[in-house]
């Protein structure tokens, strides 16, 4: 399946500001796009049905990690996506990993 997502320079600049880093922004955008597509497909097919915002956020982090994002990269991105301090993003990510490891 090939999905085309419009991705303009303004998007690139906004993403760069959100993650506040010197990463390969285009590669990061590709991971985010794949994770978003997976999340939407899983919801559409009933594979995942969030019951609250915490579930939704956790699954979004899970999809990012599943699409190849390193945990160390996820911390800053999660902070930027959810507009939370990086310490909070770290805790959210670690809790998610523990939950999936124990299941």
PDB file of N, CA and C in Angstrom:
ATOM      1  N   UNK A   1       0.850  -1.160   0.000  1.00  0.00           N
ATOM      2  CA  UNK A   1       0.000   0.000   0.000  1.00  0.00           C
ATOM      3  C   UNK A   1       0.902   1.231   0.000  1.00  0.00           C
ATOM      4  N   UNK A   2       0.610   2.164  -0.862  1.00  0.00           N
ATOM      5  CA  UNK A   2       1.319   3.441  -0.886  1.00  0.00           C
ATOM      6  C   UNK A   2       0.334   4.538  -0.538  1.00  0.00           C
ATOM      7  N   UNK A   3       0.702   5.360   0.414  1.00  0.00           N
ATOM      8  CA  UNK A   3      -0.131   6.476   0.827  1.00  0.00           C
ATOM      9  C   UNK A   3       0.689   7.744   0.646  1.00  0.00           C
ATOM     10  N   UNK A   4       0.117   8.731   0.007  1.00  0.00           N
ATOM     11  CA  UNK A   4       0.808  10.001  -0.206  1.00  0.00           C
ATOM     12  C   UNK A   4       0.225  11.030   0.750  1.00  0.00           C
ATOM     13  N   UNK A   5       1.099  11.645   1.513  1.00  0.00           N
ATOM     14  CA  UNK A   5       0.673  12.657   2.479  1.00  0.00           C
ATOM     15  C   UNK A   5       1.344  13.972   2.097  1.00  0.00           C
ATOM     16  N   UNK A   6       0.579  15.024   1.887  1.00  0.00           N
ATOM     17  CA  UNK A   6       1.207  16.314   1.589  1.00  0.00           C
ATOM     18  C   UNK A   6       2.154  16.714   2.729  1.00  0.00           C
ATOM     19  N   UNK A   7       3.347  17.120   2.375  1.00  0.00           N
ATOM     20  CA  UNK A   7       4.375  17.461   3.359  1.00  0.00           C
ATOM     21  C   UNK A   7       5.168  18.622   2.786  1.00  0.00           C
ATOM     22  N   UNK A   8       4.844  19.803   3.269  1.00  0.00           N
ATOM     23  CA  UNK A   8       5.434  21.014   2.715  1.00  0.00           C
ATOM     24  C   UNK A   8       6.499  21.574   3.650  1.00  0.00           C
ATOM     25  N   UNK A   9       7.197  22.567   3.185  1.00  0.00           N
ATOM     26  CA  UNK A   9       8.265  23.165   3.972  1.00  0.00           C
ATOM     27  C   UNK A   9       7.741  23.697   5.308  1.00  0.00           C
ATOM     28  N   UNK A  10       6.544  24.249   5.314  1.00  0.00           N
ATOM     29  CA  UNK A  10       5.948  24.738   6.563  1.00  0.00           C
ATOM     30  C   UNK A  10       5.782  23.591   7.567  1.00  0.00           C
ATOM     31  N   UNK A  11       5.368  22.418   7.086  1.00  0.00           N
ATOM     32  CA  UNK A  11       5.248  21.243   7.953  1.00  0.00           C
ATOM     33  C   UNK A  11       6.606  20.870   8.528  1.00  0.00           C
ATOM     34  N   UNK A  12       7.609  20.881   7.686  1.00  0.00           N
ATOM     35  CA  UNK A  12       8.970  20.545   8.094  1.00  0.00           C
ATOM     36  C   UNK A  12       9.450  21.494   9.195  1.00  0.00           C
ATOM     37  N   UNK A  13       9.217  22.783   9.010  1.00  0.00           N
ATOM     38  CA  UNK A  13       9.645  23.778   9.997  1.00  0.00           C
ATOM     39  C   UNK A  13       8.887  23.624  11.320  1.00  0.00           C
ATOM     40  N   UNK A  14       7.596  23.366  11.237  1.00  0.00           N
ATOM     41  CA  UNK A  14       6.805  23.179  12.460  1.00  0.00           C
ATOM     42  C   UNK A  14       7.246  21.939  13.215  1.00  0.00           C
ATOM     43  N   UNK A  15       7.544  20.859  12.489  1.00  0.00           N
ATOM     44  CA  UNK A  15       8.013  19.631  13.125  1.00  0.00           C
ATOM     45  C   UNK A  15       9.369  19.865  13.777  1.00  0.00           C
ATOM     46  N   UNK A  16      10.225  20.577  13.093  1.00  0.00           N
ATOM     47  CA  UNK A  16      11.548  20.866  13.647  1.00  0.00           C
ATOM     48  C   UNK A  16      11.428  21.666  14.938  1.00  0.00           C
ATOM     49  N   UNK A  17      10.524  22.634  14.967  1.00  0.00           N
ATOM     50  CA  UNK A  17      10.305  23.417  16.202  1.00  0.00           C
ATOM     51  C   UNK A  17       9.717  22.538  17.306  1.00  0.00           C
ATOM     52  N   UNK A  18       8.822  21.638  16.934  1.00  0.00           N
ATOM     53  CA  UNK A  18       8.154  20.802  17.934  1.00  0.00           C
ATOM     54  C   UNK A  18       9.126  19.858  18.626  1.00  0.00           C
ATOM     55  N   UNK A  19      10.082  19.326  17.883  1.00  0.00           N
ATOM     56  CA  UNK A  19      11.003  18.354  18.486  1.00  0.00           C
ATOM     57  C   UNK A  19      12.294  18.996  18.982  1.00  0.00           C
ATOM     58  N   UNK A  20      12.517  20.241  18.606  1.00  0.00           N
ATOM     59  CA  UNK A  20      13.677  20.996  19.077  1.00  0.00           C
ATOM     60  C   UNK A  20      14.963  20.184  19.014  1.00  0.00           C
ATOM     61  N   UNK A  21      15.256  19.680  17.859  1.00  0.00           N
ATOM     62  CA  UNK A  21      16.465  18.887  17.725  1.00  0.00           C
ATOM     63  C   UNK A  21      17.055  18.995  16.341  1.00  0.00           C
ATOM     64  N   UNK A  22      18.164  18.348  16.170  1.00  0.00           N
ATOM     65  CA  UNK A  22      18.842  18.387  14.882  1.00  0.00           C
ATOM     66  C   UNK A  22      18.782  17.029  14.203  1.00  0.00           C
ATOM     67  N   UNK A  23      17.641  16.401  14.257  1.00  0.00           N
ATOM     68  CA  UNK A  23      17.444  15.092  13.633  1.00  0.00           C
ATOM     69  C   UNK A  23      17.190  15.249  12.144  1.00  0.00           C
ATOM     70  N   UNK A  24      17.159  14.124  11.457  1.00  0.00           N
ATOM     71  CA  UNK A  24      16.741  14.115  10.063  1.00  0.00           C
ATOM     72  C   UNK A  24      15.221  14.256  10.071  1.00  0.00           C
ATOM     73  N   UNK A  25      14.754  15.464   9.896  1.00  0.00           N
ATOM     74  CA  UNK A  25      13.330  15.771  10.025  1.00  0.00           C
ATOM     75  C   UNK A  25      12.496  15.016   8.988  1.00  0.00           C
ATOM     76  N   UNK A  26      13.010  14.853   7.786  1.00  0.00           N
ATOM     77  CA  UNK A  26      12.243  14.149   6.762  1.00  0.00           C
ATOM     78  C   UNK A  26      12.075  12.669   7.111  1.00  0.00           C
ATOM     79  N   UNK A  27      13.124  12.051   7.642  1.00  0.00           N
ATOM     80  CA  UNK A  27      13.016  10.652   8.076  1.00  0.00           C
ATOM     81  C   UNK A  27      12.053  10.540   9.250  1.00  0.00           C
ATOM     82  N   UNK A  28      12.112  11.496  10.156  1.00  0.00           N
ATOM     83  CA  UNK A  28      11.200  11.509  11.300  1.00  0.00           C
ATOM     84  C   UNK A  28       9.756  11.660  10.821  1.00  0.00           C
ATOM     85  N   UNK A  29       9.537  12.536   9.860  1.00  0.00           N
ATOM     86  CA  UNK A  29       8.187  12.729   9.314  1.00  0.00           C
ATOM     87  C   UNK A  29       7.667  11.438   8.688  1.00  0.00           C
ATOM     88  N   UNK A  30       8.540  10.688   8.042  1.00  0.00           N
ATOM     89  CA  UNK A  30       8.126   9.417   7.442  1.00  0.00           C
ATOM     90  C   UNK A  30       7.701   8.418   8.519  1.00  0.00           C
ATOM     91  N   UNK A  31       8.446   8.352   9.612  1.00  0.00           N
ATOM     92  CA  UNK A  31       8.075   7.456  10.725  1.00  0.00           C
ATOM     93  C   UNK A  31       6.728   7.877  11.302  1.00  0.00           C
ATOM     94  N   UNK A  32       6.555   9.176  11.491  1.00  0.00           N
ATOM     95  CA  UNK A  32       5.296   9.686  12.045  1.00  0.00           C
ATOM     96  C   UNK A  32       4.133   9.358  11.111  1.00  0.00           C
ATOM     97  N   UNK A  33       4.338   9.519   9.816  1.00  0.00           N
ATOM     98  CA  UNK A  33       3.268   9.234   8.846  1.00  0.00           C
ATOM     99  C   UNK A  33       2.889   7.753   8.865  1.00  0.00           C
ATOM    100  N   UNK A  34       3.898   6.883   8.892  1.00  0.00           N
ATOM    101  CA  UNK A  34       3.612   5.437   8.935  1.00  0.00           C
ATOM    102  C   UNK A  34       2.898   5.071  10.236  1.00  0.00           C
ATOM    103  N   UNK A  35       3.358   5.638  11.343  1.00  0.00           N
ATOM    104  CA  UNK A  35       2.724   5.346  12.640  1.00  0.00           C
ATOM    105  C   UNK A  35       1.280   5.848  12.662  1.00  0.00           C
ATOM    106  N   UNK A  36       1.060   7.022  12.106  1.00  0.00           N
ATOM    107  CA  UNK A  36      -0.299   7.570  12.055  1.00  0.00           C
ATOM    108  C   UNK A  36      -1.222   6.728  11.193  1.00  0.00           C
ATOM    109  N   UNK A  37      -0.696   6.257  10.081  1.00  0.00           N
ATOM    110  CA  UNK A  37      -1.496   5.393   9.206  1.00  0.00           C
ATOM    111  C   UNK A  37      -1.834   4.089   9.911  1.00  0.00           C
ATOM    112  N   UNK A  38      -0.856   3.521  10.612  1.00  0.00           N
ATOM    113  CA  UNK A  38      -1.088   2.274  11.348  1.00  0.00           C
ATOM    114  C   UNK A  38      -2.139   2.489  12.424  1.00  0.00           C
ATOM    115  N   UNK A  39      -2.009   3.586  13.163  1.00  0.00           N
ATOM    116  CA  UNK A  39      -2.968   3.882  14.228  1.00  0.00           C
ATOM    117  C   UNK A  39      -4.381   4.019  13.655  1.00  0.00           C
ATOM    118  N   UNK A  40      -4.531   4.752  12.572  1.00  0.00           N
ATOM    119  CA  UNK A  40      -5.847   4.947  11.956  1.00  0.00           C
ATOM    120  C   UNK A  40      -6.418   3.628  11.436  1.00  0.00           C
ATOM    121  N   UNK A  41      -5.581   2.827  10.808  1.00  0.00           N
ATOM    122  CA  UNK A  41      -6.028   1.538  10.286  1.00  0.00           C
ATOM    123  C   UNK A  41      -6.450   0.601  11.421  1.00  0.00           C
ATOM    124  N   UNK A  42      -5.674   0.588  12.493  1.00  0.00           N
ATOM    125  CA  UNK A  42      -6.017  -0.259  13.635  1.00  0.00           C
ATOM    126  C   UNK A  42      -7.345   0.163  14.261  1.00  0.00           C
ATOM    127  N   UNK A  43      -7.598   1.466  14.308  1.00  0.00           N
ATOM    128  CA  UNK A  43      -8.883   1.927  14.851  1.00  0.00           C
ATOM    129  C   UNK A  43     -10.023   1.597  13.900  1.00  0.00           C
ATOM    130  N   UNK A  44      -9.803   1.786  12.614  1.00  0.00           N
ATOM    131  CA  UNK A  44     -10.852   1.528  11.621  1.00  0.00           C
ATOM    132  C   UNK A  44     -11.245   0.060  11.570  1.00  0.00           C
ATOM    133  N   UNK A  45     -10.276  -0.824  11.804  1.00  0.00           N
ATOM    134  CA  UNK A  45     -10.557  -2.262  11.736  1.00  0.00           C
ATOM    135  C   UNK A  45     -10.978  -2.845  13.078  1.00  0.00           C
ATOM    136  N   UNK A  46     -10.980  -2.020  14.120  1.00  0.00           N
ATOM    137  CA  UNK A  46     -11.371  -2.505  15.438  1.00  0.00           C
ATOM    138  C   UNK A  46     -10.251  -3.181  16.200  1.00  0.00           C
ATOM    139  N   UNK A  47      -9.056  -3.177  15.664  1.00  0.00           N
ATOM    140  CA  UNK A  47      -7.916  -3.775  16.369  1.00  0.00           C
ATOM    141  C   UNK A  47      -7.610  -2.992  17.642  1.00  0.00           C
ATOM    142  N   UNK A  48      -7.844  -1.681  17.581  1.00  0.00           N
ATOM    143  CA  UNK A  48      -7.616  -0.834  18.753  1.00  0.00           C
ATOM    144  C   UNK A  48      -8.771   0.144  18.877  1.00  0.00           C
ATOM    145  N   UNK A  49      -9.384   0.167  20.053  1.00  0.00           N
ATOM    146  CA  UNK A  49     -10.487   1.094  20.312  1.00  0.00           C
ATOM    147  C   UNK A  49     -10.209   1.802  21.637  1.00  0.00           C
ATOM    148  N   UNK A  50      -9.667   3.014  21.569  1.00  0.00           N
ATOM    149  CA  UNK A  50      -9.330   3.715  22.812  1.00  0.00           C
ATOM    150  C   UNK A  50     -10.585   4.058  23.603  1.00  0.00           C
ATOM    151  N   UNK A  51     -10.456   3.961  24.917  1.00  0.00           N
ATOM    152  CA  UNK A  51     -11.585   4.315  25.774  1.00  0.00           C
ATOM    153  C   UNK A  51     -11.387   5.674  26.436  1.00  0.00           C
ATOM    154  N   UNK A  52     -10.168   6.198  26.341  1.00  0.00           N
ATOM    155  CA  UNK A  52      -9.907   7.521  26.912  1.00  0.00           C
ATOM    156  C   UNK A  52      -8.650   8.106  26.265  1.00  0.00           C
ATOM    157  N   UNK A  53      -8.343   9.336  26.618  1.00  0.00           N
ATOM    158  CA  UNK A  53      -7.207  10.024  26.019  1.00  0.00           C
ATOM    159  C   UNK A  53      -5.883   9.362  26.384  1.00  0.00           C
ATOM    160  N   UNK A  54      -5.774   8.812  27.564  1.00  0.00           N
ATOM    161  CA  UNK A  54      -4.543   8.131  27.963  1.00  0.00           C
ATOM    162  C   UNK A  54      -4.291   6.922  27.079  1.00  0.00           C
ATOM    163  N   UNK A  55      -5.340   6.149  26.799  1.00  0.00           N
ATOM    164  CA  UNK A  55      -5.207   5.010  25.882  1.00  0.00           C
ATOM    165  C   UNK A  55      -4.746   5.479  24.505  1.00  0.00           C
ATOM    166  N   UNK A  56      -5.354   6.553  24.024  1.00  0.00           N
ATOM    167  CA  UNK A  56      -5.021   7.076  22.707  1.00  0.00           C
ATOM    168  C   UNK A  56      -3.555   7.500  22.644  1.00  0.00           C
ATOM    169  N   UNK A  57      -3.115   8.232  23.633  1.00  0.00           N
ATOM    170  CA  UNK A  57      -1.720   8.683  23.677  1.00  0.00           C
ATOM    171  C   UNK A  57      -0.762   7.494  23.751  1.00  0.00           C
ATOM    172  N   UNK A  58      -1.086   6.539  24.592  1.00  0.00           N
ATOM    173  CA  UNK A  58      -0.222   5.367  24.733  1.00  0.00           C
ATOM    174  C   UNK A  58      -0.108   4.605  23.426  1.00  0.00           C
ATOM    175  N   UNK A  59      -1.217   4.452  22.743  1.00  0.00           N
ATOM    176  CA  UNK A  59      -1.179   3.720  21.483  1.00  0.00           C
ATOM    177  C   UNK A  59      -0.404   4.497  20.429  1.00  0.00           C
ATOM    178  N   UNK A  60      -0.510   5.795  20.457  1.00  0.00           N
ATOM    179  CA  UNK A  60       0.255   6.611  19.500  1.00  0.00           C
ATOM    180  C   UNK A  60       1.750   6.421  19.721  1.00  0.00           C
ATOM    181  N   UNK A  61       2.177   6.416  20.981  1.00  0.00           N
ATOM    182  CA  UNK A  61       3.597   6.173  21.288  1.00  0.00           C
ATOM    183  C   UNK A  61       3.984   4.775  20.830  1.00  0.00           C
ATOM    184  N   UNK A  62       3.141   3.802  21.123  1.00  0.00           N
ATOM    185  CA  UNK A  62       3.397   2.427  20.699  1.00  0.00           C
ATOM    186  C   UNK A  62       3.587   2.341  19.183  1.00  0.00           C
ATOM    187  N   UNK A  63       2.722   3.001  18.429  1.00  0.00           N
ATOM    188  CA  UNK A  63       2.829   2.965  16.966  1.00  0.00           C
ATOM    189  C   UNK A  63       4.128   3.605  16.498  1.00  0.00           C
ATOM    190  N   UNK A  64       4.547   4.686  17.124  1.00  0.00           N
ATOM    191  CA  UNK A  64       5.820   5.319  16.762  1.00  0.00           C
ATOM    192  C   UNK A  64       6.980   4.361  16.989  1.00  0.00           C
ATOM    193  N   UNK A  65       6.974   3.694  18.131  1.00  0.00           N
ATOM    194  CA  UNK A  65       8.049   2.750  18.442  1.00  0.00           C
ATOM    195  C   UNK A  65       8.001   1.551  17.492  1.00  0.00           C
ATOM    196  N   UNK A  66       6.801   1.096  17.201  1.00  0.00           N
ATOM    197  CA  UNK A  66       6.627  -0.053  16.314  1.00  0.00           C
ATOM    198  C   UNK A  66       7.111   0.247  14.894  1.00  0.00           C
ATOM    199  N   UNK A  67       7.022   1.502  14.489  1.00  0.00           N
ATOM    200  CA  UNK A  67       7.466   1.885  13.147  1.00  0.00           C
ATOM    201  C   UNK A  67       8.954   2.199  13.084  1.00  0.00           C
ATOM    202  N   UNK A  68       9.661   1.953  14.187  1.00  0.00           N
ATOM    203  CA  UNK A  68      11.114   2.058  14.129  1.00  0.00           C
ATOM    204  C   UNK A  68      11.741   3.218  14.865  1.00  0.00           C
ATOM    205  N   UNK A  69      10.948   4.011  15.543  1.00  0.00           N
ATOM    206  CA  UNK A  69      11.535   5.115  16.287  1.00  0.00           C
ATOM    207  C   UNK A  69      12.224   4.570  17.539  1.00  0.00           C
ATOM    208  N   UNK A  70      13.441   5.018  17.767  1.00  0.00           N
ATOM    209  CA  UNK A  70      14.160   4.616  18.973  1.00  0.00           C
ATOM    210  C   UNK A  70      13.518   5.281  20.184  1.00  0.00           C
ATOM    211  N   UNK A  71      13.552   4.598  21.302  1.00  0.00           N
ATOM    212  CA  UNK A  71      12.959   5.153  22.521  1.00  0.00           C
ATOM    213  C   UNK A  71      13.596   6.495  22.863  1.00  0.00           C
ATOM    214  N   UNK A  72      14.900   6.611  22.668  1.00  0.00           N
ATOM    215  CA  UNK A  72      15.578   7.872  22.982  1.00  0.00           C
ATOM    216  C   UNK A  72      15.055   9.012  22.104  1.00  0.00           C
ATOM    217  N   UNK A  73      14.652   8.719  20.875  1.00  0.00           N
ATOM    218  CA  UNK A  73      14.066   9.739  20.004  1.00  0.00           C
ATOM    219  C   UNK A  73      12.631  10.045  20.415  1.00  0.00           C
ATOM    220  N   UNK A  74      11.947   9.045  20.913  1.00  0.00           N
ATOM    221  CA  UNK A  74      10.531   9.204  21.239  1.00  0.00           C
ATOM    222  C   UNK A  74      10.306  10.211  22.362  1.00  0.00           C
ATOM    223  N   UNK A  75      11.201  10.265  23.312  1.00  0.00           N
ATOM    224  CA  UNK A  75      10.997  11.172  24.446  1.00  0.00           C
ATOM    225  C   UNK A  75      10.736  12.605  23.998  1.00  0.00           C
ATOM    226  N   UNK A  76      11.631  13.153  23.195  1.00  0.00           N
ATOM    227  CA  UNK A  76      11.473  14.529  22.740  1.00  0.00           C
ATOM    228  C   UNK A  76      10.270  14.716  21.850  1.00  0.00           C
ATOM    229  N   UNK A  77      10.015  13.742  20.986  1.00  0.00           N
ATOM    230  CA  UNK A  77       8.873  13.843  20.095  1.00  0.00           C
ATOM    231  C   UNK A  77       7.560  13.795  20.867  1.00  0.00           C
ATOM    232  N   UNK A  78       7.471  12.883  21.820  1.00  0.00           N
ATOM    233  CA  UNK A  78       6.255  12.772  22.627  1.00  0.00           C
ATOM    234  C   UNK A  78       6.015  14.072  23.381  1.00  0.00           C
ATOM    235  N   UNK A  79       7.068  14.662  23.899  1.00  0.00           N
ATOM    236  CA  UNK A  79       6.936  15.947  24.594  1.00  0.00           C
ATOM    237  C   UNK A  79       6.375  17.003  23.646  1.00  0.00           C
ATOM    238  N   UNK A  80       6.887  17.015  22.412  1.00  0.00           N
ATOM    239  CA  UNK A  80       6.421  17.989  21.436  1.00  0.00           C
ATOM    240  C   UNK A  80       5.005  17.735  20.965  1.00  0.00           C
ATOM    241  N   UNK A  81       4.671  16.483  20.713  1.00  0.00           N
ATOM    242  CA  UNK A  81       3.328  16.139  20.225  1.00  0.00           C
ATOM    243  C   UNK A  81       2.256  16.460  21.264  1.00  0.00           C
ATOM    244  N   UNK A  82       2.497  16.045  22.490  1.00  0.00           N
ATOM    245  CA  UNK A  82       1.485  16.184  23.529  1.00  0.00           C
ATOM    246  C   UNK A  82       1.638  17.448  24.353  1.00  0.00           C
ATOM    247  N   UNK A  83       2.634  18.281  24.024  1.00  0.00           N
ATOM    248  CA  UNK A  83       2.865  19.539  24.723  1.00  0.00           C
ATOM    249  C   UNK A  83       3.003  19.333  26.229  1.00  0.00           C
ATOM    250  N   UNK A  84       3.874  18.376  26.580  1.00  0.00           N
ATOM    251  CA  UNK A  84       4.165  18.091  27.984  1.00  0.00           C
ATOM    252  C   UNK A  84       5.674  18.217  28.188  1.00  0.00           C
ATOM    253  N   UNK A  85       6.116  18.431  29.440  1.00  0.00           N
ATOM    254  CA  UNK A  85       7.553  18.480  29.695  1.00  0.00           C
ATOM    255  C   UNK A  85       8.212  17.150  29.330  1.00  0.00           C
ATOM    256  N   UNK A  86       9.490  17.195  28.985  1.00  0.00           N
ATOM    257  CA  UNK A  86      10.180  15.976  28.553  1.00  0.00           C
ATOM    258  C   UNK A  86      10.187  14.918  29.653  1.00  0.00           C
ATOM    259  N   UNK A  87      10.264  15.310  30.922  1.00  0.00           N
ATOM    260  CA  UNK A  87      10.202  14.322  32.013  1.00  0.00           C
ATOM    261  C   UNK A  87       8.885  13.562  31.987  1.00  0.00           C
ATOM    262  N   UNK A  88       7.795  14.274  31.743  1.00  0.00           N
ATOM    263  CA  UNK A  88       6.478  13.631  31.655  1.00  0.00           C
ATOM    264  C   UNK A  88       6.439  12.681  30.458  1.00  0.00           C
ATOM    265  N   UNK A  89       7.004  13.111  29.335  1.00  0.00           N
ATOM    266  CA  UNK A  89       7.053  12.261  28.147  1.00  0.00           C
ATOM    267  C   UNK A  89       7.861  10.996  28.421  1.00  0.00           C
ATOM    268  N   UNK A  90       8.957  11.131  29.158  1.00  0.00           N
ATOM    269  CA  UNK A  90       9.765   9.962  29.510  1.00  0.00           C
ATOM    270  C   UNK A  90       8.947   8.973  30.321  1.00  0.00           C
ATOM    271  N   UNK A  91       8.222   9.480  31.312  1.00  0.00           N
ATOM    272  CA  UNK A  91       7.404   8.614  32.167  1.00  0.00           C
ATOM    273  C   UNK A  91       6.315   7.928  31.346  1.00  0.00           C
ATOM    274  N   UNK A  92       5.669   8.684  30.449  1.00  0.00           N
ATOM    275  CA  UNK A  92       4.618   8.104  29.605  1.00  0.00           C
ATOM    276  C   UNK A  92       5.182   6.964  28.763  1.00  0.00           C
ATOM    277  N   UNK A  93       6.336   7.174  28.177  1.00  0.00           N
ATOM    278  CA  UNK A  93       6.948   6.169  27.313  1.00  0.00           C
ATOM    279  C   UNK A  93       7.387   4.940  28.095  1.00  0.00           C
ATOM    280  N   UNK A  94       7.982   5.156  29.248  1.00  0.00           N
ATOM    281  CA  UNK A  94       8.457   4.038  30.074  1.00  0.00           C
ATOM    282  C   UNK A  94       7.277   3.219  30.586  1.00  0.00           C
ATOM    283  N   UNK A  95       6.211   3.881  31.022  1.00  0.00           N
ATOM    284  CA  UNK A  95       5.016   3.146  31.475  1.00  0.00           C
ATOM    285  C   UNK A  95       4.456   2.282  30.355  1.00  0.00           C
ATOM    286  N   UNK A  96       4.431   2.846  29.167  1.00  0.00           N
ATOM    287  CA  UNK A  96       3.924   2.092  28.016  1.00  0.00           C
ATOM    288  C   UNK A  96       4.765   0.852  27.782  1.00  0.00           C
ATOM    289  N   UNK A  97       6.076   1.001  27.798  1.00  0.00           N
ATOM    290  CA  UNK A  97       6.958  -0.144  27.576  1.00  0.00           C
ATOM    291  C   UNK A  97       6.763  -1.211  28.640  1.00  0.00           C
ATOM    292  N   UNK A  98       6.632  -0.797  29.871  1.00  0.00           N
ATOM    293  CA  UNK A  98       6.411  -1.761  30.963  1.00  0.00           C
ATOM    294  C   UNK A  98       5.091  -2.498  30.787  1.00  0.00           C
ATOM    295  N   UNK A  99       4.057  -1.759  30.385  1.00  0.00           N
ATOM    296  CA  UNK A  99       2.752  -2.376  30.198  1.00  0.00           C
ATOM    297  C   UNK A  99       2.790  -3.433  29.101  1.00  0.00           C
ATOM    298  N   UNK A 100       3.453  -3.133  27.989  1.00  0.00           N
ATOM    299  CA  UNK A 100       3.532  -4.093  26.894  1.00  0.00           C
ATOM    300  C   UNK A 100       4.464  -5.237  27.217  1.00  0.00           C
ATOM    301  N   UNK A 101       5.496  -4.976  27.996  1.00  0.00           N
ATOM    302  CA  UNK A 101       6.439  -6.040  28.378  1.00  0.00           C
ATOM    303  C   UNK A 101       5.784  -7.054  29.300  1.00  0.00           C
ATOM    304  N   UNK A 102       4.852  -6.580  30.147  1.00  0.00           N
ATOM    305  CA  UNK A 102       4.220  -7.481  31.104  1.00  0.00           C
ATOM    306  C   UNK A 102       3.012  -8.210  30.513  1.00  0.00           C
ATOM    307  N   UNK A 103       2.573  -7.821  29.321  1.00  0.00           N
ATOM    308  CA  UNK A 103       1.387  -8.480  28.740  1.00  0.00           C
ATOM    309  C   UNK A 103       1.765  -9.586  27.797  1.00  0.00           C
TER     310      UNK A 103
END
